[in-house]
Amino acid sequence: MANEYIRQNSELYVALVTLCGWIALGTFVFQRLEDWTRIEAFYFAVVTITTVGYGDLSPTTDISRLFTTLYILVGVSIGLVTLSIVGSRIIAYRLRGYYKRKKNNS
């Protein structure tokens, strides 16, 4: 039981750290390639990964566009995996509570 708990937590931590690292990398690269402020680059990195794409900022050079393409493909995948891990943890937590209450009421 303890090993399963550690494995689940490490899976969650790895996913969150990977997502944060990818956003940090995007922030750094967009700041350098586009000469944006750190806040603008961070905003663009997050908006891009979440596929919102407001359009207020956009890459202006070919190298930025190429990086953005790679950033989207990898970033959306990382984001979806992270969300699925977080979602499965929430569902598992709620199910444990449900079965615990059901067992206590029986």
N, C-alpha and C. Protein backbone atom coordinates (compact mmCIF):
# COMPACT_ATOMS: atom_id res chain seq x y z
N MET A 1 0.82 -1.19 0.00
CA MET A 1 0.00 0.00 0.00
C MET A 1 0.87 1.26 0.00
N ALA A 2 1.89 1.30 0.84
CA ALA A 2 2.77 2.47 0.90
C ALA A 2 3.53 2.65 -0.40
N ASN A 3 3.98 1.55 -1.02
CA ASN A 3 4.69 1.65 -2.29
C ASN A 3 3.80 2.21 -3.39
N GLU A 4 2.53 1.83 -3.39
CA GLU A 4 1.58 2.35 -4.38
C GLU A 4 1.36 3.84 -4.17
N TYR A 5 1.27 4.27 -2.92
CA TYR A 5 1.10 5.68 -2.60
C TYR A 5 2.30 6.50 -3.07
N ILE A 6 3.49 5.99 -2.82
CA ILE A 6 4.72 6.66 -3.25
C ILE A 6 4.78 6.72 -4.77
N ARG A 7 4.42 5.63 -5.44
CA ARG A 7 4.45 5.61 -6.90
C ARG A 7 3.46 6.61 -7.48
N GLN A 8 2.27 6.67 -6.93
CA GLN A 8 1.27 7.61 -7.42
C GLN A 8 1.70 9.05 -7.20
N ASN A 9 2.26 9.33 -6.03
CA ASN A 9 2.72 10.68 -5.77
C ASN A 9 3.90 11.06 -6.65
N SER A 10 4.82 10.14 -6.86
CA SER A 10 5.97 10.46 -7.72
C SER A 10 5.51 10.70 -9.15
N GLU A 11 4.52 9.94 -9.59
CA GLU A 11 3.96 10.15 -10.94
C GLU A 11 3.37 11.55 -11.06
N LEU A 12 2.65 11.98 -10.04
CA LEU A 12 2.05 13.31 -10.04
C LEU A 12 3.13 14.39 -10.01
N TYR A 13 4.11 14.22 -9.14
CA TYR A 13 5.19 15.22 -9.04
C TYR A 13 5.98 15.33 -10.34
N VAL A 14 6.28 14.21 -10.96
CA VAL A 14 7.02 14.23 -12.23
C VAL A 14 6.21 14.96 -13.30
N ALA A 15 4.92 14.68 -13.35
CA ALA A 15 4.07 15.34 -14.35
C ALA A 15 4.02 16.85 -14.11
N LEU A 16 3.83 17.27 -12.86
CA LEU A 16 3.76 18.70 -12.56
C LEU A 16 5.08 19.41 -12.80
N VAL A 17 6.18 18.77 -12.40
CA VAL A 17 7.50 19.37 -12.62
C VAL A 17 7.80 19.46 -14.12
N THR A 18 7.42 18.44 -14.87
CA THR A 18 7.63 18.46 -16.32
C THR A 18 6.83 19.59 -16.96
N LEU A 19 5.58 19.74 -16.56
CA LEU A 19 4.75 20.82 -17.10
C LEU A 19 5.33 22.19 -16.75
N CYS A 20 5.71 22.37 -15.50
CA CYS A 20 6.30 23.65 -15.09
C CYS A 20 7.62 23.91 -15.80
N GLY A 21 8.41 22.87 -15.98
CA GLY A 21 9.68 23.01 -16.70
C GLY A 21 9.46 23.38 -18.16
N TRP A 22 8.43 22.79 -18.78
CA TRP A 22 8.14 23.10 -20.18
C TRP A 22 7.67 24.56 -20.32
N ILE A 23 6.86 25.01 -19.37
CA ILE A 23 6.42 26.41 -19.38
C ILE A 23 7.61 27.33 -19.16
N ALA A 24 8.51 26.97 -18.25
CA ALA A 24 9.71 27.78 -17.99
C ALA A 24 10.59 27.84 -19.24
N LEU A 25 10.77 26.71 -19.91
CA LEU A 25 11.56 26.69 -21.15
C LEU A 25 10.92 27.58 -22.21
N GLY A 26 9.61 27.46 -22.37
CA GLY A 26 8.91 28.29 -23.34
C GLY A 26 9.04 29.76 -23.01
N THR A 27 8.90 30.10 -21.73
CA THR A 27 9.05 31.49 -21.30
C THR A 27 10.43 32.02 -21.67
N PHE A 28 11.45 31.25 -21.37
CA PHE A 28 12.83 31.66 -21.66
C PHE A 28 13.04 31.84 -23.17
N VAL A 29 12.63 30.86 -23.94
CA VAL A 29 12.88 30.91 -25.39
C VAL A 29 12.06 32.03 -26.04
N PHE A 30 10.79 32.15 -25.69
CA PHE A 30 9.97 33.21 -26.29
C PHE A 30 10.48 34.59 -25.90
N GLN A 31 10.97 34.72 -24.69
CA GLN A 31 11.53 36.00 -24.26
C GLN A 31 12.73 36.38 -25.12
N ARG A 32 13.57 35.39 -25.43
CA ARG A 32 14.76 35.66 -26.23
C ARG A 32 14.44 35.85 -27.72
N LEU A 33 13.60 34.97 -28.26
CA LEU A 33 13.32 35.02 -29.70
C LEU A 33 12.47 36.23 -30.10
N GLU A 34 11.54 36.60 -29.25
CA GLU A 34 10.60 37.66 -29.60
C GLU A 34 10.88 38.99 -28.90
N ASP A 35 11.86 39.01 -28.02
CA ASP A 35 12.18 40.22 -27.27
C ASP A 35 10.97 40.72 -26.47
N TRP A 36 10.23 39.75 -25.90
CA TRP A 36 9.10 40.07 -25.04
C TRP A 36 9.58 40.18 -23.60
N THR A 37 8.76 40.80 -22.76
CA THR A 37 9.06 40.79 -21.33
C THR A 37 8.86 39.37 -20.80
N ARG A 38 9.34 39.12 -19.62
CA ARG A 38 9.18 37.80 -19.01
C ARG A 38 7.69 37.46 -18.82
N ILE A 39 6.91 38.45 -18.43
CA ILE A 39 5.47 38.25 -18.23
C ILE A 39 4.78 37.94 -19.56
N GLU A 40 5.11 38.67 -20.62
CA GLU A 40 4.52 38.40 -21.93
C GLU A 40 4.89 37.00 -22.42
N ALA A 41 6.14 36.63 -22.25
CA ALA A 41 6.59 35.32 -22.69
C ALA A 41 5.91 34.21 -21.89
N PHE A 42 5.79 34.38 -20.58
CA PHE A 42 5.10 33.41 -19.74
C PHE A 42 3.64 33.29 -20.15
N TYR A 43 3.00 34.43 -20.35
CA TYR A 43 1.60 34.46 -20.76
C TYR A 43 1.42 33.72 -22.09
N PHE A 44 2.28 34.00 -23.06
CA PHE A 44 2.18 33.33 -24.35
C PHE A 44 2.41 31.83 -24.21
N ALA A 45 3.37 31.44 -23.38
CA ALA A 45 3.65 30.01 -23.19
C ALA A 45 2.44 29.29 -22.61
N VAL A 46 1.80 29.87 -21.61
CA VAL A 46 0.64 29.23 -20.98
C VAL A 46 -0.56 29.23 -21.93
N VAL A 47 -0.81 30.35 -22.58
CA VAL A 47 -1.94 30.44 -23.52
C VAL A 47 -1.76 29.45 -24.66
N THR A 48 -0.53 29.26 -25.10
CA THR A 48 -0.25 28.33 -26.19
C THR A 48 -0.48 26.89 -25.76
N ILE A 49 0.02 26.51 -24.60
CA ILE A 49 -0.14 25.13 -24.13
C ILE A 49 -1.62 24.80 -23.89
N THR A 50 -2.37 25.77 -23.38
CA THR A 50 -3.78 25.51 -23.11
C THR A 50 -4.65 25.62 -24.36
N THR A 51 -4.05 25.92 -25.48
CA THR A 51 -4.69 26.06 -26.80
C THR A 51 -5.75 27.14 -26.81
N VAL A 52 -5.66 28.12 -25.92
CA VAL A 52 -6.61 29.23 -25.92
C VAL A 52 -6.31 30.14 -27.10
N GLY A 53 -5.08 30.60 -27.23
CA GLY A 53 -4.66 31.39 -28.38
C GLY A 53 -5.45 32.66 -28.60
N TYR A 54 -5.35 33.61 -27.70
CA TYR A 54 -6.09 34.87 -27.83
C TYR A 54 -5.70 35.65 -29.08
N GLY A 55 -4.45 35.53 -29.51
CA GLY A 55 -4.01 36.24 -30.71
C GLY A 55 -3.41 37.60 -30.45
N ASP A 56 -3.36 38.02 -29.19
CA ASP A 56 -2.77 39.33 -28.89
C ASP A 56 -1.26 39.31 -29.03
N LEU A 57 -0.64 38.16 -28.83
CA LEU A 57 0.78 37.97 -29.08
C LEU A 57 0.92 36.83 -30.08
N SER A 58 1.87 36.96 -30.97
CA SER A 58 2.11 35.87 -31.92
C SER A 58 3.56 35.92 -32.36
N PRO A 59 4.12 34.75 -32.74
CA PRO A 59 5.51 34.72 -33.20
C PRO A 59 5.66 35.50 -34.50
N THR A 60 6.80 36.18 -34.62
CA THR A 60 7.00 37.05 -35.78
C THR A 60 8.10 36.58 -36.72
N THR A 61 8.95 35.67 -36.27
CA THR A 61 10.04 35.20 -37.12
C THR A 61 9.84 33.72 -37.45
N ASP A 62 10.53 33.27 -38.47
CA ASP A 62 10.41 31.86 -38.86
C ASP A 62 10.89 30.92 -37.75
N ILE A 63 11.99 31.28 -37.10
CA ILE A 63 12.51 30.40 -36.04
C ILE A 63 11.52 30.37 -34.87
N SER A 64 10.89 31.50 -34.58
CA SER A 64 9.87 31.52 -33.52
C SER A 64 8.67 30.65 -33.89
N ARG A 65 8.27 30.71 -35.12
CA ARG A 65 7.13 29.91 -35.58
C ARG A 65 7.47 28.42 -35.51
N LEU A 66 8.68 28.07 -35.91
CA LEU A 66 9.09 26.66 -35.83
C LEU A 66 9.14 26.19 -34.38
N PHE A 67 9.72 27.00 -33.51
CA PHE A 67 9.76 26.63 -32.10
C PHE A 67 8.35 26.52 -31.53
N THR A 68 7.48 27.45 -31.90
CA THR A 68 6.10 27.42 -31.39
C THR A 68 5.39 26.15 -31.82
N THR A 69 5.63 25.72 -33.05
CA THR A 69 5.02 24.47 -33.52
C THR A 69 5.45 23.30 -32.66
N LEU A 70 6.73 23.17 -32.41
CA LEU A 70 7.24 22.11 -31.54
C LEU A 70 6.71 22.28 -30.12
N TYR A 71 6.71 23.52 -29.66
CA TYR A 71 6.25 23.82 -28.30
C TYR A 71 4.80 23.40 -28.11
N ILE A 72 3.96 23.66 -29.10
CA ILE A 72 2.54 23.28 -29.02
C ILE A 72 2.40 21.76 -28.99
N LEU A 73 3.06 21.07 -29.92
CA LEU A 73 2.91 19.62 -30.01
C LEU A 73 3.32 18.93 -28.72
N VAL A 74 4.45 19.30 -28.18
CA VAL A 74 4.93 18.67 -26.95
C VAL A 74 4.16 19.20 -25.74
N GLY A 75 3.93 20.50 -25.69
CA GLY A 75 3.29 21.12 -24.53
C GLY A 75 1.86 20.67 -24.31
N VAL A 76 1.09 20.56 -25.38
CA VAL A 76 -0.29 20.09 -25.23
C VAL A 76 -0.29 18.66 -24.72
N SER A 77 0.61 17.85 -25.22
CA SER A 77 0.71 16.46 -24.74
C SER A 77 1.06 16.41 -23.26
N ILE A 78 2.04 17.19 -22.86
CA ILE A 78 2.43 17.23 -21.45
C ILE A 78 1.26 17.71 -20.60
N GLY A 79 0.58 18.74 -21.06
CA GLY A 79 -0.56 19.28 -20.33
C GLY A 79 -1.68 18.27 -20.17
N LEU A 80 -1.99 17.54 -21.23
CA LEU A 80 -3.05 16.54 -21.17
C LEU A 80 -2.70 15.38 -20.25
N VAL A 81 -1.45 14.93 -20.30
CA VAL A 81 -1.02 13.86 -19.40
C VAL A 81 -1.11 14.32 -17.95
N THR A 82 -0.66 15.54 -17.69
CA THR A 82 -0.71 16.08 -16.33
C THR A 82 -2.15 16.18 -15.84
N LEU A 83 -3.04 16.70 -16.69
CA LEU A 83 -4.44 16.81 -16.30
C LEU A 83 -5.07 15.44 -16.06
N SER A 84 -4.71 14.46 -16.87
CA SER A 84 -5.29 13.13 -16.66
C SER A 84 -4.79 12.50 -15.36
N ILE A 85 -3.54 12.73 -15.01
CA ILE A 85 -3.01 12.21 -13.75
C ILE A 85 -3.70 12.90 -12.57
N VAL A 86 -3.83 14.23 -12.64
CA VAL A 86 -4.50 14.96 -11.57
C VAL A 86 -5.96 14.50 -11.47
N GLY A 87 -6.63 14.37 -12.59
CA GLY A 87 -8.02 13.92 -12.59
C GLY A 87 -8.19 12.53 -12.02
N SER A 88 -7.30 11.62 -12.38
CA SER A 88 -7.41 10.25 -11.85
C SER A 88 -7.15 10.22 -10.35
N ARG A 89 -6.27 11.08 -9.87
CA ARG A 89 -6.02 11.17 -8.42
C ARG A 89 -7.25 11.68 -7.69
N ILE A 90 -7.92 12.67 -8.26
CA ILE A 90 -9.13 13.21 -7.63
C ILE A 90 -10.22 12.15 -7.60
N ILE A 91 -10.42 11.45 -8.70
CA ILE A 91 -11.44 10.40 -8.76
C ILE A 91 -11.12 9.28 -7.77
N ALA A 92 -9.87 8.87 -7.71
CA ALA A 92 -9.48 7.81 -6.78
C ALA A 92 -9.71 8.25 -5.34
N TYR A 93 -9.39 9.49 -5.02
CA TYR A 93 -9.60 10.02 -3.67
C TYR A 93 -11.08 10.01 -3.31
N ARG A 94 -11.90 10.44 -4.23
CA ARG A 94 -13.35 10.47 -3.98
C ARG A 94 -13.92 9.07 -3.85
N LEU A 95 -13.44 8.14 -4.67
CA LEU A 95 -13.92 6.76 -4.58
C LEU A 95 -13.53 6.11 -3.25
N ARG A 96 -12.31 6.38 -2.79
CA ARG A 96 -11.90 5.85 -1.48
C ARG A 96 -12.82 6.36 -0.38
N GLY A 97 -13.15 7.65 -0.43
CA GLY A 97 -14.06 8.22 0.55
C GLY A 97 -15.45 7.62 0.46
N TYR A 98 -15.92 7.38 -0.74
CA TYR A 98 -17.24 6.77 -0.94
C TYR A 98 -17.28 5.37 -0.35
N TYR A 99 -16.28 4.55 -0.69
CA TYR A 99 -16.27 3.17 -0.19
C TYR A 99 -16.04 3.11 1.31
N LYS A 100 -15.29 4.07 1.84
CA LYS A 100 -15.08 4.11 3.29
C LYS A 100 -16.39 4.44 4.00
N ARG A 101 -17.14 5.41 3.48
CA ARG A 101 -18.43 5.75 4.07
C ARG A 101 -19.43 4.59 3.94
N LYS A 102 -19.40 3.95 2.78
CA LYS A 102 -20.31 2.82 2.56
C LYS A 102 -20.00 1.67 3.52
N LYS A 103 -18.71 1.42 3.74
CA LYS A 103 -18.29 0.36 4.66
C LYS A 103 -18.71 0.69 6.10
N ASN A 104 -18.54 1.95 6.51
CA ASN A 104 -18.90 2.37 7.86
C ASN A 104 -20.41 2.34 8.09
N ASN A 105 -21.20 2.56 7.05
CA ASN A 105 -22.66 2.55 7.17
C ASN A 105 -23.23 1.14 7.15
N SER A 106 -22.45 0.16 6.73
CA SER A 106 -22.95 -1.22 6.65
C SER A 106 -22.91 -1.93 7.95
